[in-house]
């Protein structure tokens, strides 16, 4: 979006260029495939700054030692772990030395059918490409794994270490490369039985009408048709504010509450 204010022109920056965020080796049995990973998604949302209400000065967060109140620089800070009140300090070099080679290794644990993986476990997506097209044999070993998964209809479960964390993921064939979907560990998922659900009953007649509404609303889903629209509205709001226009605050009234059966009938009668 472009805003012109007087002789000055301001633009909103677009997304970052696709760049590698991790490089290492994908181990397929005894075959090591040099790879690079790329973030497959980007943030579409606008980030607002916190500012002082009276003079619009930016609100900054300082790193301050709680003991002496001293403001610290990056070189003054190390990682620490407290045991029985004692602080055990670690440098980045010490943590990297725990398993230095694993920080460059993504290991295939095995293969399974994609439907065996719970949807709730799937998280961030990443593209996987070859580390260097100039290295001999890299393309062939990469394509071998890709073709083998396509022919068997299976996905790979992989494990890797990045910085100080170990991750698991699902690797699958995707277009000309591979797609990695980071997975949550089983212990990260909270039990759904903690969710409050009001116990009730629904008559079979209502269910039948609900089924008819579902069938009436069934369509051919096209992912590309869906655009993030709220951010565009925020940009328009910013543009109006930048140009000194008044922002109208609309009153929001909740919709009239009707019976479920009335609403179902209304949806079935609508064109």
Protein backbone atom coordinates (compact mmCIF):
# COMPACT_ATOMS: atom_id res chain seq x y z
CA UNK A 1 0.00 0.00 0.00
CA UNK A 2 1.24 3.53 -0.82
CA UNK A 3 0.41 6.64 1.22
CA UNK A 4 1.28 10.10 -0.12
CA UNK A 5 1.39 12.84 2.52
CA UNK A 6 2.51 16.18 1.16
CA UNK A 7 5.67 15.61 -0.86
CA UNK A 8 6.47 12.38 0.97
CA UNK A 9 5.47 8.89 -0.21
CA UNK A 10 5.32 5.97 2.21
CA UNK A 11 4.91 2.32 1.29
CA UNK A 12 4.20 -0.88 3.21
CA UNK A 13 6.99 -3.39 2.69
CA UNK A 14 6.19 -6.78 1.14
CA UNK A 15 7.23 -10.22 2.38
CA UNK A 16 10.82 -11.34 2.77
CA UNK A 17 12.59 -13.22 0.00
CA UNK A 18 12.69 -16.99 0.40
CA UNK A 19 15.94 -17.78 2.17
CA UNK A 20 17.35 -20.81 3.90
CA UNK A 21 16.85 -20.97 7.67
CA UNK A 22 18.64 -24.30 8.36
CA UNK A 23 21.11 -26.43 6.46
CA UNK A 24 22.46 -29.87 7.20
CA UNK A 25 22.04 -33.49 6.17
CA UNK A 26 18.95 -35.64 5.73
CA UNK A 27 19.91 -39.20 6.64
CA UNK A 28 17.98 -41.82 4.64
CA UNK A 29 19.42 -44.98 6.17
CA UNK A 30 23.14 -44.76 5.38
CA UNK A 31 22.58 -42.18 2.63
CA UNK A 32 23.32 -38.58 3.63
CA UNK A 33 21.53 -35.93 1.56
CA UNK A 34 22.75 -32.32 1.99
CA UNK A 35 19.63 -30.17 2.34
CA UNK A 36 18.37 -26.71 3.16
CA UNK A 37 15.07 -25.80 4.80
CA UNK A 38 12.98 -22.74 3.98
CA UNK A 39 10.00 -21.29 5.83
CA UNK A 40 6.95 -22.15 3.73
CA UNK A 41 4.74 -19.50 5.33
CA UNK A 42 4.99 -15.80 6.08
CA UNK A 43 3.28 -13.37 8.40
CA UNK A 44 0.55 -11.31 6.69
CA UNK A 45 -0.42 -9.30 9.74
CA UNK A 46 0.52 -5.75 10.67
CA UNK A 47 2.53 -5.26 13.85
CA UNK A 48 1.79 -2.14 15.89
CA UNK A 49 4.39 -0.53 18.18
CA UNK A 50 3.75 0.40 21.77
CA UNK A 51 4.20 4.16 22.18
CA UNK A 52 3.88 6.80 24.89
CA UNK A 53 0.35 8.22 24.76
CA UNK A 54 1.46 11.83 25.25
CA UNK A 55 4.44 12.18 22.88
CA UNK A 56 4.40 8.95 20.79
CA UNK A 57 7.86 7.93 21.98
CA UNK A 58 8.61 4.24 21.38
CA UNK A 59 8.34 2.01 24.45
CA UNK A 60 11.51 -0.06 24.69
CA UNK A 61 12.19 -3.15 26.76
CA UNK A 62 15.58 -3.24 28.44
CA UNK A 63 17.39 -6.31 29.71
CA UNK A 64 18.08 -5.50 33.35
CA UNK A 65 19.64 -7.66 36.05
CA UNK A 66 17.10 -8.10 38.83
CA UNK A 67 19.86 -8.11 41.50
CA UNK A 68 21.72 -4.86 40.83
CA UNK A 69 19.40 -3.13 38.31
CA UNK A 70 22.21 -2.90 35.74
CA UNK A 71 21.22 -2.75 32.07
CA UNK A 72 22.95 -5.61 30.22
CA UNK A 73 24.43 -5.97 26.75
CA UNK A 74 24.21 -9.18 24.69
CA UNK A 75 27.79 -10.18 25.60
CA UNK A 76 26.91 -9.94 29.31
CA UNK A 77 24.20 -12.60 29.05
CA UNK A 78 24.57 -16.40 29.12
CA UNK A 79 22.04 -19.21 29.58
CA UNK A 80 21.44 -20.49 33.08
CA UNK A 81 19.55 -23.29 34.79
CA UNK A 82 18.59 -23.21 38.48
CA UNK A 83 18.96 -26.32 40.63
CA UNK A 84 18.11 -26.11 44.33
CA UNK A 85 18.63 -22.35 44.21
CA UNK A 86 22.03 -22.64 42.52
CA UNK A 87 22.55 -21.09 39.08
CA UNK A 88 24.37 -23.35 36.61
CA UNK A 89 25.65 -21.21 33.70
CA UNK A 90 26.21 -22.39 30.13
CA UNK A 91 27.74 -20.67 27.12
CA UNK A 92 26.35 -21.22 23.60
CA UNK A 93 29.56 -23.09 22.75
CA UNK A 94 29.04 -25.50 25.65
CA UNK A 95 25.45 -26.22 24.61
CA UNK A 96 26.45 -26.70 20.97
CA UNK A 97 29.18 -29.13 22.10
CA UNK A 98 26.60 -31.51 23.62
CA UNK A 99 25.84 -33.08 20.24
CA UNK A 100 27.53 -30.94 17.59
CA UNK A 101 26.89 -33.29 14.65
CA UNK A 102 23.21 -33.70 15.49
CA UNK A 103 22.79 -29.97 15.01
CA UNK A 104 23.47 -30.62 11.31
CA UNK A 105 21.52 -33.89 10.98
CA UNK A 106 17.87 -34.56 10.16
CA UNK A 107 17.37 -38.29 10.63
CA UNK A 108 14.62 -40.33 8.99
CA UNK A 109 13.13 -42.46 11.79
CA UNK A 110 10.92 -44.49 9.48
CA UNK A 111 7.93 -44.32 7.15
CA UNK A 112 4.17 -44.53 7.65
CA UNK A 113 0.88 -43.68 5.96
CA UNK A 114 -0.09 -40.00 6.36
CA UNK A 115 -3.48 -40.86 7.87
CA UNK A 116 -1.67 -42.42 10.86
CA UNK A 117 -0.55 -38.95 11.99
CA UNK A 118 -3.11 -37.02 14.11
CA UNK A 119 -4.03 -33.67 12.55
CA UNK A 120 -3.64 -31.96 15.93
CA UNK A 121 0.06 -32.85 15.86
CA UNK A 122 0.90 -31.00 12.62
CA UNK A 123 2.39 -27.54 12.98
CA UNK A 124 4.69 -25.25 10.93
CA UNK A 125 5.42 -26.08 7.26
CA UNK A 126 8.89 -25.86 5.67
CA UNK A 127 10.16 -26.43 2.15
CA UNK A 128 13.12 -28.79 1.75
CA UNK A 129 15.60 -28.27 -1.08
CA UNK A 130 19.05 -29.60 -1.92
CA UNK A 131 21.99 -27.91 -0.21
CA UNK A 132 23.91 -27.38 -3.44
CA UNK A 133 23.03 -28.42 -7.00
CA UNK A 134 26.76 -28.45 -7.82
CA UNK A 135 27.55 -31.36 -5.51
CA UNK A 136 27.62 -34.67 -7.35
CA UNK A 137 24.99 -37.24 -6.39
CA UNK A 138 22.96 -34.83 -4.26
CA UNK A 139 20.13 -34.49 -6.77
CA UNK A 140 19.95 -38.23 -7.40
CA UNK A 141 19.74 -39.19 -3.69
CA UNK A 142 17.17 -36.43 -3.04
CA UNK A 143 15.03 -37.58 -5.99
CA UNK A 144 15.39 -41.23 -4.93
CA UNK A 145 13.81 -40.52 -1.55
CA UNK A 146 11.08 -38.38 -3.13
CA UNK A 147 10.16 -41.01 -5.75
CA UNK A 148 10.23 -43.85 -3.21
CA UNK A 149 7.74 -42.01 -0.97
CA UNK A 150 5.50 -41.17 -3.92
CA UNK A 151 5.43 -44.78 -5.13
CA UNK A 152 4.65 -46.21 -1.69
CA UNK A 153 2.21 -43.44 -0.74
CA UNK A 154 4.06 -42.99 2.54
CA UNK A 155 5.59 -40.10 4.45
CA UNK A 156 8.78 -40.01 6.50
CA UNK A 157 8.99 -39.25 10.21
CA UNK A 158 12.14 -37.22 10.86
CA UNK A 159 13.93 -35.85 13.91
CA UNK A 160 16.43 -33.00 14.04
CA UNK A 161 18.08 -30.54 16.42
CA UNK A 162 18.05 -26.78 15.85
CA UNK A 163 19.95 -24.64 18.35
CA UNK A 164 19.06 -26.18 21.72
CA UNK A 165 15.76 -27.85 20.80
CA UNK A 166 14.96 -31.22 19.27
CA UNK A 167 12.05 -31.46 16.84
CA UNK A 168 10.07 -34.15 15.06
CA UNK A 169 8.29 -33.74 11.76
CA UNK A 170 6.53 -35.33 8.82
CA UNK A 171 8.32 -35.24 5.47
CA UNK A 172 6.30 -35.70 2.29
CA UNK A 173 6.69 -35.27 -1.45
CA UNK A 174 5.49 -31.90 -2.69
CA UNK A 175 5.72 -30.62 -6.27
CA UNK A 176 9.40 -30.66 -7.27
CA UNK A 177 10.75 -30.91 -3.73
CA UNK A 178 9.84 -32.10 -0.25
CA UNK A 179 7.58 -30.52 2.35
CA UNK A 180 8.39 -30.77 6.06
CA UNK A 181 5.61 -30.26 8.59
CA UNK A 182 6.88 -29.80 12.11
CA UNK A 183 4.99 -31.93 14.62
CA UNK A 184 4.14 -31.36 18.25
CA UNK A 185 5.24 -34.01 20.72
CA UNK A 186 2.51 -36.13 22.25
CA UNK A 187 3.13 -34.61 25.69
CA UNK A 188 2.64 -31.10 24.26
CA UNK A 189 -1.02 -31.78 23.40
CA UNK A 190 -3.39 -31.00 26.21
CA UNK A 191 -6.11 -33.59 26.85
CA UNK A 192 -9.40 -32.61 25.24
CA UNK A 193 -11.41 -33.98 28.17
CA UNK A 194 -10.52 -30.78 30.05
CA UNK A 195 -12.69 -28.80 27.63
CA UNK A 196 -16.10 -27.87 29.03
CA UNK A 197 -18.91 -29.23 26.87
CA UNK A 198 -22.53 -28.72 27.90
CA UNK A 199 -24.28 -32.09 27.93
CA UNK A 200 -27.52 -32.07 25.94
CA UNK A 201 -29.55 -34.01 23.38
CA UNK A 202 -30.51 -33.21 19.79
CA UNK A 203 -33.55 -34.75 18.16
CA UNK A 204 -33.12 -36.82 15.02
CA UNK A 205 -35.38 -34.37 13.17
CA UNK A 206 -33.01 -31.50 13.91
CA UNK A 207 -30.01 -33.61 12.90
CA UNK A 208 -31.70 -34.45 9.58
CA UNK A 209 -32.31 -30.76 8.92
CA UNK A 210 -28.71 -30.02 9.88
CA UNK A 211 -27.53 -32.64 7.37
CA UNK A 212 -29.63 -30.96 4.66
CA UNK A 213 -28.02 -27.60 5.46
CA UNK A 214 -24.54 -29.17 5.29
CA UNK A 215 -25.37 -30.75 1.91
CA UNK A 216 -26.78 -27.45 0.65
CA UNK A 217 -23.60 -25.61 1.73
CA UNK A 218 -21.25 -28.23 0.25
CA UNK A 219 -18.96 -26.78 -2.44
CA UNK A 220 -15.71 -27.40 -4.30
CA UNK A 221 -13.10 -25.87 -2.01
CA UNK A 222 -10.39 -23.83 -3.73
CA UNK A 223 -7.66 -22.84 -1.27
CA UNK A 224 -6.35 -20.07 -3.56
CA UNK A 225 -9.68 -18.25 -3.43
CA UNK A 226 -9.19 -17.38 0.24
CA UNK A 227 -7.37 -14.14 1.02
CA UNK A 228 -6.51 -12.57 4.37
CA UNK A 229 -8.85 -9.57 4.37
CA UNK A 230 -8.64 -8.16 7.90
CA UNK A 231 -5.08 -6.86 7.39
CA UNK A 232 -6.23 -5.01 4.25
CA UNK A 233 -8.90 -3.29 6.35
CA UNK A 234 -6.26 -2.36 8.93
CA UNK A 235 -4.10 -0.85 6.16
CA UNK A 236 -7.07 1.23 4.98
CA UNK A 237 -7.57 2.41 8.56
CA UNK A 238 -3.88 3.39 8.78
CA UNK A 239 -4.14 5.23 5.47
CA UNK A 240 -7.19 7.21 6.63
CA UNK A 241 -5.49 8.07 9.91
CA UNK A 242 -2.30 9.13 8.08
CA UNK A 243 -4.31 11.43 5.83
CA UNK A 244 -6.04 13.01 8.82
CA UNK A 245 -9.46 11.55 8.08
CA UNK A 246 -11.90 10.87 10.88
CA UNK A 247 -12.43 7.23 11.85
CA UNK A 248 -16.07 6.30 12.28
CA UNK A 249 -16.75 3.86 15.12
CA UNK A 250 -19.67 1.63 14.23
CA UNK A 251 -21.95 0.29 16.91
CA UNK A 252 -22.05 -3.51 16.87
CA UNK A 253 -25.36 -5.12 17.75
CA UNK A 254 -25.57 -8.88 18.29
CA UNK A 255 -27.94 -10.74 15.95
CA UNK A 256 -31.44 -11.58 17.10
CA UNK A 257 -31.60 -14.93 18.88
CA UNK A 258 -34.04 -17.43 17.35
CA UNK A 259 -34.68 -21.12 17.90
CA UNK A 260 -32.34 -23.62 16.24
CA UNK A 261 -35.22 -25.06 14.21
CA UNK A 262 -36.20 -21.59 12.94
CA UNK A 263 -32.62 -20.89 11.87
CA UNK A 264 -32.35 -24.25 10.07
CA UNK A 265 -35.60 -23.62 8.21
CA UNK A 266 -34.37 -20.13 7.27
CA UNK A 267 -31.11 -21.54 5.87
CA UNK A 268 -32.91 -24.24 3.92
CA UNK A 269 -35.35 -21.70 2.43
CA UNK A 270 -32.62 -19.26 1.41
CA UNK A 271 -31.35 -19.26 -2.17
